[in-house]
Amino acid sequence: MKIEISDHFTYKKLLKFAYPSIIMMLFTSIYGNVDGFFVSNFVGEIPFAAVNLTWPVIMIFGGVGFVFGCGGNAVIATALGEGDKERANRYFSLIVYASIAVGIVLGGIGFLLRRQLSIALGAEGELLDACVLYLSVLFAFTPFFLEQNMFQSLCATAGKPKLGLIATIAAGLGNLVLDFLAIVVLKWGVFGAALATGISQFFGGIIPLIFFARENDTYFKLGKTVFEGKILTKTCTNGISEFVNNLTLSIVIILYNIKLIELAGQDGVNAFGIVQYIEFMFMSVFIGLEMAAAPIISFNNGANDYAELQNIFKKCVSLLGIFGVILLAIGHTFARPFTLIFIRDNADLINMSVHGFRLFSISFLTLGITGFASSLYTALGNGLLSAVISVMKSFVLPIIVLYTLPNFLGLNGIWLSQLVVEIAYLLIVIPVVIKNNKRYHYLSN
């Protein structure tokens, strides 16, 4: 039976609706992980460092897709909740066309600035050449990466979360196979890793685009539309928090890499990269559930169905808390096997990575719940509030902690920084959630 965003959701139905998005995000996280695995094991530690340094830049450019996906998600789903399907489809087409145009422009800008960006990351010599080469290839595929990120949200809004899952699985498996051919068989090194990832992004973006360009069984089909500046502005306003979160996260990773070079050299950068690879896989569980819940929240907000809005809020927070406990247990138990996926010959790097991830994984207890606060206000159409609390969590607090905690705890200060950020953020966001309940009515009495 097809699940609609207008349904009443039990825990079982919510998990059934969300699991395609969770698995889709898991396969999305595989992109960087697959490159990291093949480059670290078959190319070398300097190219591995190049991938770790440049990937945040790729995420910044491709992350613009989340603006159109999450922001458009709220606009489109609200129109559906108000019963105007024709208007919802017009918005859908406008947002998709606008995202394609923006993707082309951003890809061109990134390509022109690839060397300057690499230098700004601190790369020089052989590392600089590897960074420039990796970015040169991937910027050519920016429009498709942007589309892939956008459709992760819009497929759920269309009631087709499995379509996004299929596209992402195809992209993930394609990246795996192409990395093997380009790196192991053809010995193309960093160029091969970038080309494999770029082609996989092409698949991830083009499959849903073709689906919605043809007749289908959803409310949406790409067709004629009109330029509506207010709708695009509202889309960007609603979705800006997701991009800001992605942007600030990437900037913070870059700053962490600079600090790690100071504390532990290249091994520090690679250890942090390994911790990030593992974290991204774990975070896909949280992000997938939040992504699936967003159109449900937007729909019920538009329909003024506060009882169902409260139901979804309660179930999301409960599930995210349960997932956090499970992921903490998995992370602590399997830190070494996960680390050995990426590195086997450097004992110091292995021990550093295992120790770091075990400390870092404590933050999983609240990481999903705190992340839900931002996606909640995006879904409710309050992009400004979502952006403010996102910046606080992903940028302001991490920067403060980064430049204070390591002064007292050294390298352990890096690994424990996320936990400290989580505690500080909870003290800020809980009053915000309580205060805004008067406006949105998401808390049950």
Protein backbone atom coordinates (compact mmCIF):
# COMPACT_ATOMS: atom_id res chain seq x y z
CA MET A 1 0.00 0.00 0.00
CA LYS A 2 1.34 3.41 -1.00
CA ILE A 3 2.06 5.75 1.89
CA GLU A 4 0.92 9.36 1.44
CA ILE A 5 2.21 12.35 3.39
CA SER A 6 -1.41 13.02 4.37
CA ASP A 7 -1.65 9.69 6.25
CA HIS A 8 -1.67 9.20 10.00
CA PHE A 9 1.76 7.83 10.91
CA THR A 10 2.48 5.09 13.40
CA TYR A 11 6.10 4.25 14.27
CA LYS A 12 5.97 1.37 11.80
CA LYS A 13 4.56 3.49 8.98
CA LEU A 14 7.05 6.31 9.62
CA LEU A 15 9.98 3.90 9.52
CA LYS A 16 8.60 2.30 6.36
CA PHE A 17 8.27 5.73 4.74
CA ALA A 18 11.71 6.83 5.94
CA TYR A 19 13.84 3.77 5.22
CA PRO A 20 14.34 4.56 1.50
CA SER A 21 15.63 8.03 2.46
CA ILE A 22 17.90 6.53 5.13
CA ILE A 23 19.38 4.01 2.72
CA MET A 24 19.61 6.70 0.05
CA MET A 25 21.64 8.91 2.37
CA LEU A 26 23.81 5.93 3.29
CA PHE A 27 24.68 5.38 -0.36
CA THR A 28 25.27 9.11 -0.77
CA SER A 29 27.84 8.94 2.02
CA ILE A 30 29.55 6.13 0.14
CA TYR A 31 30.78 8.55 -2.57
CA GLY A 32 33.52 10.10 -0.49
CA ASN A 33 34.11 6.86 1.39
CA VAL A 34 34.67 4.83 -1.74
CA ASP A 35 37.17 7.36 -3.08
CA GLY A 36 38.89 7.40 0.30
CA PHE A 37 39.09 3.61 0.42
CA PHE A 38 40.56 3.16 -3.04
CA VAL A 39 42.87 6.18 -2.89
CA SER A 40 44.25 5.33 0.57
CA ASN A 41 44.76 1.65 -0.25
CA PHE A 42 45.89 1.82 -3.89
CA VAL A 43 47.33 5.31 -4.53
CA GLY A 44 48.97 6.67 -1.39
CA GLU A 45 48.68 8.90 1.66
CA ILE A 46 49.36 12.21 -0.14
CA PRO A 47 46.53 11.66 -2.67
CA PHE A 48 44.38 10.49 0.26
CA ALA A 49 45.07 13.80 1.98
CA ALA A 50 44.14 15.61 -1.26
CA VAL A 51 40.73 13.94 -1.31
CA ASN A 52 40.21 14.76 2.36
CA LEU A 53 41.16 18.42 1.84
CA THR A 54 39.06 19.05 -1.27
CA TRP A 55 35.90 17.09 -0.54
CA PRO A 56 34.46 19.84 1.72
CA VAL A 57 34.71 22.24 -1.24
CA ILE A 58 32.75 19.85 -3.46
CA MET A 59 30.11 19.56 -0.74
CA ILE A 60 29.77 23.34 -0.58
CA PHE A 61 29.03 23.63 -4.31
CA GLY A 62 26.83 20.53 -4.53
CA GLY A 63 25.13 21.48 -1.27
CA VAL A 64 23.26 24.26 -3.08
CA GLY A 65 20.97 21.42 -4.18
CA PHE A 66 19.72 21.19 -0.60
CA VAL A 67 18.53 24.80 -0.87
CA PHE A 68 16.24 23.89 -3.75
CA GLY A 69 15.32 20.49 -2.33
CA CYS A 70 14.59 21.38 1.30
CA GLY A 71 13.37 24.90 0.59
CA GLY A 72 11.26 23.81 -2.37
CA ASN A 73 10.02 20.87 -0.35
CA ALA A 74 8.30 23.22 2.12
CA VAL A 75 6.79 25.40 -0.64
CA ILE A 76 5.50 22.47 -2.71
CA ALA A 77 4.21 20.36 0.18
CA THR A 78 2.42 23.35 1.70
CA ALA A 79 0.63 23.95 -1.61
CA LEU A 80 -0.39 20.29 -1.65
CA GLY A 81 -1.63 20.58 1.94
CA GLU A 82 -3.78 23.52 0.82
CA GLY A 83 -5.27 21.31 -1.92
CA ASP A 84 -3.84 23.12 -4.96
CA LYS A 85 -2.09 20.36 -6.95
CA GLU A 86 -1.73 22.42 -10.13
CA ARG A 87 0.09 25.19 -8.28
CA ALA A 88 2.29 22.64 -6.52
CA ASN A 89 3.35 21.17 -9.88
CA ARG A 90 4.08 24.63 -11.29
CA TYR A 91 6.35 25.33 -8.32
CA PHE A 92 7.99 21.94 -8.78
CA SER A 93 8.91 22.63 -12.42
CA LEU A 94 10.16 26.13 -11.67
CA ILE A 95 12.42 24.93 -8.85
CA VAL A 96 13.92 22.10 -10.92
CA TYR A 97 14.69 24.38 -13.89
CA ALA A 98 16.22 27.03 -11.65
CA SER A 99 18.43 24.45 -9.94
CA ILE A 100 19.81 23.25 -13.28
CA ALA A 101 20.76 26.78 -14.31
CA VAL A 102 22.44 27.48 -10.97
CA GLY A 103 24.34 24.18 -11.13
CA ILE A 104 25.84 25.05 -14.51
CA VAL A 105 26.97 28.49 -13.31
CA LEU A 106 28.49 27.14 -10.08
CA GLY A 107 30.35 24.38 -11.90
CA GLY A 108 31.95 26.92 -14.22
CA ILE A 109 32.97 29.21 -11.36
CA GLY A 110 34.47 26.32 -9.41
CA PHE A 111 36.47 25.13 -12.40
CA LEU A 112 37.94 28.58 -13.00
CA LEU A 113 38.94 28.95 -9.34
CA ARG A 114 40.14 25.38 -8.72
CA ARG A 115 43.83 26.29 -8.18
CA GLN A 116 43.09 29.28 -5.96
CA LEU A 117 40.76 27.14 -3.86
CA SER A 118 43.41 24.45 -3.48
CA ILE A 119 46.01 26.98 -2.34
CA ALA A 120 43.51 28.43 0.15
CA LEU A 121 43.14 24.94 1.63
CA GLY A 122 46.85 24.95 2.42
CA ALA A 123 47.94 22.60 -0.35
CA GLU A 124 51.36 22.98 -1.94
CA GLY A 125 53.75 20.98 -4.08
CA GLU A 126 52.59 17.46 -4.97
CA LEU A 127 49.53 17.84 -2.74
CA LEU A 128 48.51 21.01 -4.60
CA ASP A 129 48.71 19.26 -7.99
CA ALA A 130 46.56 16.39 -6.70
CA CYS A 131 43.95 18.77 -5.29
CA VAL A 132 43.72 20.78 -8.54
CA LEU A 133 43.31 17.63 -10.61
CA TYR A 134 40.60 16.21 -8.33
CA LEU A 135 38.63 19.47 -8.36
CA SER A 136 39.05 19.95 -12.14
CA VAL A 137 37.13 16.78 -12.88
CA LEU A 138 34.45 17.03 -10.20
CA PHE A 139 33.45 20.62 -10.95
CA ALA A 140 32.41 19.47 -14.44
CA PHE A 141 29.73 17.32 -12.77
CA THR A 142 28.47 19.95 -10.29
CA PRO A 143 25.04 20.38 -11.99
CA PHE A 144 24.31 16.67 -11.59
CA PHE A 145 25.52 16.55 -7.99
CA LEU A 146 23.27 19.52 -7.24
CA GLU A 147 20.29 17.77 -8.87
CA GLN A 148 20.97 14.58 -6.94
CA ASN A 149 20.98 16.46 -3.63
CA MET A 150 17.80 18.33 -4.55
CA PHE A 151 15.84 15.22 -5.57
CA GLN A 152 16.69 13.48 -2.31
CA SER A 153 14.07 15.76 -0.76
CA LEU A 154 11.69 16.25 -3.70
CA CYS A 155 11.26 12.52 -4.32
CA ALA A 156 9.91 12.14 -0.78
CA THR A 157 7.52 15.06 -1.36
CA ALA A 158 6.29 13.38 -4.52
CA GLY A 159 5.57 10.20 -2.55
CA LYS A 160 8.42 8.43 -4.37
CA PRO A 161 11.19 8.04 -1.81
CA LYS A 162 12.13 4.75 -3.45
CA LEU A 163 12.91 6.59 -6.71
CA GLY A 164 15.54 8.64 -4.90
CA LEU A 165 16.79 5.43 -3.33
CA ILE A 166 17.11 3.69 -6.71
CA ALA A 167 18.98 6.64 -8.22
CA THR A 168 21.34 6.86 -5.27
CA ILE A 169 21.99 3.12 -5.17
CA ALA A 170 22.76 3.19 -8.88
CA ALA A 171 25.13 6.10 -8.32
CA GLY A 172 26.78 4.45 -5.30
CA LEU A 173 27.30 1.12 -6.99
CA GLY A 174 28.49 2.89 -10.12
CA ASN A 175 31.06 4.78 -8.09
CA LEU A 176 32.28 1.55 -6.51
CA VAL A 177 32.69 -0.24 -9.84
CA LEU A 178 34.17 2.76 -11.63
CA ASP A 179 36.65 3.42 -8.81
CA PHE A 180 37.85 -0.16 -9.05
CA LEU A 181 38.29 0.09 -12.82
CA ALA A 182 39.86 3.55 -12.85
CA ILE A 183 42.16 3.17 -9.84
CA VAL A 184 42.96 -0.52 -9.48
CA VAL A 185 42.78 -1.70 -13.10
CA LEU A 186 43.68 1.38 -15.16
CA LYS A 187 45.96 3.01 -12.51
CA TRP A 188 44.54 6.50 -13.13
CA GLY A 189 45.06 7.59 -9.51
CA VAL A 190 43.35 10.75 -8.29
CA PHE A 191 42.02 11.50 -11.79
CA GLY A 192 40.31 8.10 -11.86
CA ALA A 193 38.80 8.63 -8.40
CA ALA A 194 37.36 12.01 -9.44
CA LEU A 195 36.04 10.70 -12.76
CA ALA A 196 34.34 7.74 -11.08
CA THR A 197 32.67 10.00 -8.53
CA GLY A 198 31.60 12.50 -11.20
CA ILE A 199 29.99 9.84 -13.40
CA SER A 200 28.17 8.42 -10.37
CA GLN A 201 26.83 11.92 -9.60
CA PHE A 202 25.60 12.09 -13.19
CA PHE A 203 23.54 8.94 -12.64
CA GLY A 204 22.23 10.21 -9.29
CA GLY A 205 20.96 13.43 -10.86
CA ILE A 206 19.73 12.28 -14.26
CA ILE A 207 17.58 9.30 -13.22
CA PRO A 208 14.95 11.29 -11.24
CA LEU A 209 15.13 14.10 -13.80
CA ILE A 210 14.13 11.69 -16.58
CA PHE A 211 11.38 10.20 -14.40
CA PHE A 212 9.70 13.54 -13.74
CA ALA A 213 10.14 14.66 -17.35
CA ARG A 214 7.81 11.84 -18.42
CA GLU A 215 4.25 10.85 -17.49
CA ASN A 216 4.23 9.21 -14.06
CA ASP A 217 1.93 8.33 -11.17
CA THR A 218 2.78 11.33 -8.97
CA TYR A 219 1.37 14.85 -8.80
CA PHE A 220 4.44 16.17 -10.57
CA LYS A 221 5.60 16.26 -14.18
CA LEU A 222 8.10 18.73 -15.55
CA GLY A 223 6.38 21.07 -17.96
CA LYS A 224 5.61 24.69 -18.68
CA THR A 225 5.96 27.12 -15.85
CA VAL A 226 6.37 30.82 -15.29
CA PHE A 227 9.10 32.71 -13.51
CA GLU A 228 7.92 33.55 -10.00
CA GLY A 229 10.59 35.46 -8.17
CA LYS A 230 8.70 35.37 -4.88
CA ILE A 231 8.51 31.57 -4.96
CA LEU A 232 12.21 31.20 -5.73
CA THR A 233 13.01 33.71 -3.00
CA LYS A 234 10.84 31.80 -0.54
CA THR A 235 12.44 28.54 -1.64
CA CYS A 236 15.91 29.92 -1.06
CA THR A 237 14.88 31.52 2.23
CA ASN A 238 13.37 28.28 3.48
CA GLY A 239 16.25 26.15 2.28
CA ILE A 240 19.11 28.47 3.12
CA SER A 241 19.52 26.92 6.56
CA GLU A 242 20.31 23.54 5.01
CA PHE A 243 22.91 25.14 2.74
CA VAL A 244 24.31 27.24 5.57
CA ASN A 245 24.58 24.07 7.63
CA ASN A 246 26.41 22.37 4.76
CA LEU A 247 28.59 25.43 4.11
CA THR A 248 29.59 26.00 7.72
CA LEU A 249 30.20 22.29 8.25
CA SER A 250 32.57 22.26 5.29
CA ILE A 251 34.37 25.38 6.49
CA VAL A 252 34.71 23.91 9.98
CA ILE A 253 36.20 20.71 8.52
CA ILE A 254 38.74 22.82 6.64
CA LEU A 255 39.66 24.69 9.82
CA TYR A 256 39.90 21.43 11.73
CA ASN A 257 42.31 20.12 9.10
CA ILE A 258 44.50 23.21 9.53
CA LYS A 259 44.48 22.74 13.31
CA LEU A 260 45.26 19.03 12.95
CA ILE A 261 48.27 19.74 10.74
CA GLU A 262 49.51 21.89 13.60
CA LEU A 263 48.86 19.21 16.24
CA ALA A 264 49.64 15.97 14.42
CA GLY A 265 50.78 16.68 10.86
CA GLN A 266 49.47 14.81 7.82
CA ASP A 267 48.48 11.81 9.97
CA GLY A 268 46.17 14.11 11.90
CA VAL A 269 44.42 15.18 8.69
CA ASN A 270 44.03 11.58 7.54
CA ALA A 271 42.82 10.40 10.97
CA PHE A 272 40.21 13.14 11.01
CA GLY A 273 39.24 12.18 7.45
CA ILE A 274 38.71 8.57 8.52
CA VAL A 275 36.59 9.68 11.49
CA GLN A 276 34.54 11.86 9.15
CA TYR A 277 34.01 9.04 6.66
CA ILE A 278 32.63 6.80 9.38
CA GLU A 279 30.56 9.61 10.89
CA PHE A 280 28.93 10.45 7.54
CA MET A 281 27.73 6.85 7.21
CA PHE A 282 26.26 6.95 10.71
CA MET A 283 24.71 10.39 10.19
CA SER A 284 22.81 9.09 7.15
CA VAL A 285 20.39 7.40 9.57
CA PHE A 286 19.53 10.71 11.23
CA ILE A 287 19.43 12.75 8.02
CA GLY A 288 17.32 10.17 6.19
CA LEU A 289 14.63 10.20 8.88
CA GLU A 290 14.65 14.01 9.06
CA MET A 291 14.41 14.25 5.27
CA ALA A 292 11.44 11.86 5.14
CA ALA A 293 9.65 13.66 7.97
CA ALA A 294 10.03 17.13 6.43
CA PRO A 295 7.24 16.91 3.78
CA ILE A 296 4.91 15.32 6.35
CA ILE A 297 5.51 18.24 8.71
CA SER A 298 5.05 20.78 5.90
CA PHE A 299 1.81 19.13 4.75
CA ASN A 300 0.23 19.03 8.20
CA ASN A 301 1.34 22.57 8.91
CA GLY A 302 -0.33 23.71 5.69
CA ALA A 303 -3.46 21.70 6.55
CA ASN A 304 -3.47 23.03 10.16
CA ASP A 305 -3.61 19.44 11.42
CA TYR A 306 -1.87 20.04 14.73
CA ALA A 307 -2.69 16.63 16.17
CA GLU A 308 -0.76 14.87 13.40
CA LEU A 309 2.01 17.48 13.57
CA GLN A 310 2.44 16.68 17.27
CA ASN A 311 2.37 12.97 16.48
CA ILE A 312 5.18 13.26 13.94
CA PHE A 313 7.26 15.49 16.20
CA LYS A 314 7.06 13.05 19.11
CA LYS A 315 7.85 10.00 16.99
CA CYS A 316 10.81 11.64 15.24
CA VAL A 317 12.43 12.73 18.50
CA SER A 318 11.90 9.28 20.02
CA LEU A 319 13.33 7.43 17.03
CA LEU A 320 16.32 9.77 16.74
CA GLY A 321 17.11 9.18 20.41
CA ILE A 322 16.92 5.41 19.98
CA PHE A 323 19.08 5.53 16.85
CA GLY A 324 21.65 7.59 18.77
CA VAL A 325 22.06 4.93 21.46
CA ILE A 326 22.38 2.17 18.86
CA LEU A 327 24.94 4.08 16.79
CA LEU A 328 27.01 4.89 19.86
CA ALA A 329 27.20 1.19 20.72
CA ILE A 330 28.13 0.26 17.15
CA GLY A 331 30.73 3.03 16.88
CA HIS A 332 32.47 2.13 20.12
CA THR A 333 32.48 -1.61 19.39
CA PHE A 334 33.53 -1.55 15.75
CA ALA A 335 35.81 1.50 15.62
CA ARG A 336 38.88 -0.56 14.73
CA PRO A 337 37.27 -2.67 11.94
CA PHE A 338 35.85 0.52 10.40
CA THR A 339 39.26 2.19 10.54
CA LEU A 340 40.97 -0.79 8.91
CA ILE A 341 38.79 -0.28 5.85
CA PHE A 342 40.83 2.83 5.06
CA ILE A 343 44.30 2.19 6.44
CA ARG A 344 46.31 -0.95 7.31
CA ASP A 345 50.02 -0.17 7.16
CA ASN A 346 50.36 2.80 9.53
CA ALA A 347 49.93 1.63 13.15
CA ASP A 348 50.11 5.14 14.60
CA LEU A 349 47.43 6.39 12.22
CA ILE A 350 45.21 3.39 12.99
CA ASN A 351 45.45 3.88 16.76
CA MET A 352 44.87 7.62 16.43
CA SER A 353 41.76 7.07 14.29
CA VAL A 354 40.27 4.37 16.54
CA HIS A 355 40.78 6.42 19.69
CA GLY A 356 39.42 9.52 18.00
CA PHE A 357 36.25 7.89 16.72
CA ARG A 358 35.44 6.26 20.06
CA LEU A 359 35.55 9.65 21.75
CA PHE A 360 33.70 11.32 18.88
CA SER A 361 30.92 8.70 18.85
CA ILE A 362 29.64 9.78 22.29
CA SER A 363 28.04 12.74 20.53
CA PHE A 364 25.72 10.38 18.61
CA LEU A 365 23.48 10.29 21.69
CA THR A 366 22.06 13.72 20.81
CA LEU A 367 23.34 14.42 17.29
CA GLY A 368 20.13 13.35 15.56
CA ILE A 369 17.80 15.18 17.91
CA THR A 370 19.70 18.47 17.70
CA GLY A 371 19.87 18.20 13.91
CA PHE A 372 16.09 17.72 13.79
CA ALA A 373 15.56 21.20 15.25
CA SER A 374 16.91 22.87 12.11
CA SER A 375 15.05 20.63 9.65
CA LEU A 376 11.85 21.15 11.69
CA TYR A 377 11.80 24.92 11.17
CA THR A 378 12.74 24.57 7.51
CA ALA A 379 9.74 22.27 7.03
CA LEU A 380 7.53 24.77 8.89
CA GLY A 381 8.63 27.50 6.49
CA ASN A 382 10.73 29.46 9.00
CA GLY A 383 14.01 29.42 7.11
CA LEU A 384 15.46 32.35 9.05
CA LEU A 385 15.14 30.67 12.46
CA SER A 386 16.41 27.42 10.99
CA ALA A 387 19.43 29.21 9.54
CA VAL A 388 20.24 30.97 12.82
CA ILE A 389 20.24 27.81 14.93
CA SER A 390 22.06 25.90 12.17
CA VAL A 391 24.86 28.47 12.13
CA MET A 392 25.06 28.28 15.91
CA LYS A 393 25.46 24.50 15.87
CA SER A 394 27.56 23.96 12.78
CA PHE A 395 29.80 27.04 12.87
CA VAL A 396 29.80 29.38 15.89
CA LEU A 397 30.02 26.76 18.63
CA PRO A 398 32.49 24.46 16.78
CA ILE A 399 34.84 27.39 16.08
CA ILE A 400 34.77 28.47 19.73
CA VAL A 401 35.43 24.91 20.90
CA LEU A 402 38.11 24.29 18.24
CA TYR A 403 40.20 27.23 19.39
CA THR A 404 39.80 26.57 23.11
CA LEU A 405 39.44 22.88 23.98
CA PRO A 406 42.63 21.61 22.26
CA ASN A 407 44.59 24.18 24.26
CA PHE A 408 43.74 22.17 27.37
CA LEU A 409 43.31 18.62 26.04
CA GLY A 410 45.54 18.59 22.96
CA LEU A 411 44.43 16.13 20.27
CA ASN A 412 41.69 14.75 22.56
CA GLY A 413 40.17 18.22 22.42
CA ILE A 414 39.55 17.67 18.70
CA TRP A 415 37.84 14.32 19.24
CA LEU A 416 35.67 15.58 22.12
CA SER A 417 34.76 18.88 20.47
CA GLN A 418 31.52 17.62 18.94
CA LEU A 419 30.27 16.38 22.32
CA VAL A 420 30.94 19.77 23.90
CA VAL A 421 29.17 21.48 20.99
CA GLU A 422 26.14 19.21 21.46
CA ILE A 423 25.84 20.01 25.15
CA ALA A 424 26.13 23.77 24.58
CA TYR A 425 23.67 23.67 21.68
CA LEU A 426 21.04 21.79 23.69
CA LEU A 427 21.10 24.55 26.29
CA ILE A 428 20.36 27.04 23.49
CA VAL A 429 17.85 25.18 21.33
CA ILE A 430 15.53 23.67 23.96
CA PRO A 431 14.19 27.12 25.02
CA VAL A 432 13.79 28.02 21.33
CA VAL A 433 11.68 24.91 20.68
CA ILE A 434 9.50 25.56 23.72
CA LYS A 435 8.99 29.24 22.88
CA ASN A 436 8.00 28.62 19.24
CA ASN A 437 5.45 25.97 20.18
CA LYS A 438 2.95 28.79 20.72
CA ARG A 439 3.18 29.55 17.01
CA TYR A 440 3.42 26.06 15.49
CA HIS A 441 1.75 23.76 18.05
CA TYR A 442 4.11 20.78 17.57
CA LEU A 443 4.32 19.86 21.25
CA SER A 444 1.48 17.83 22.70
CA ASN A 445 -0.03 18.97 25.97
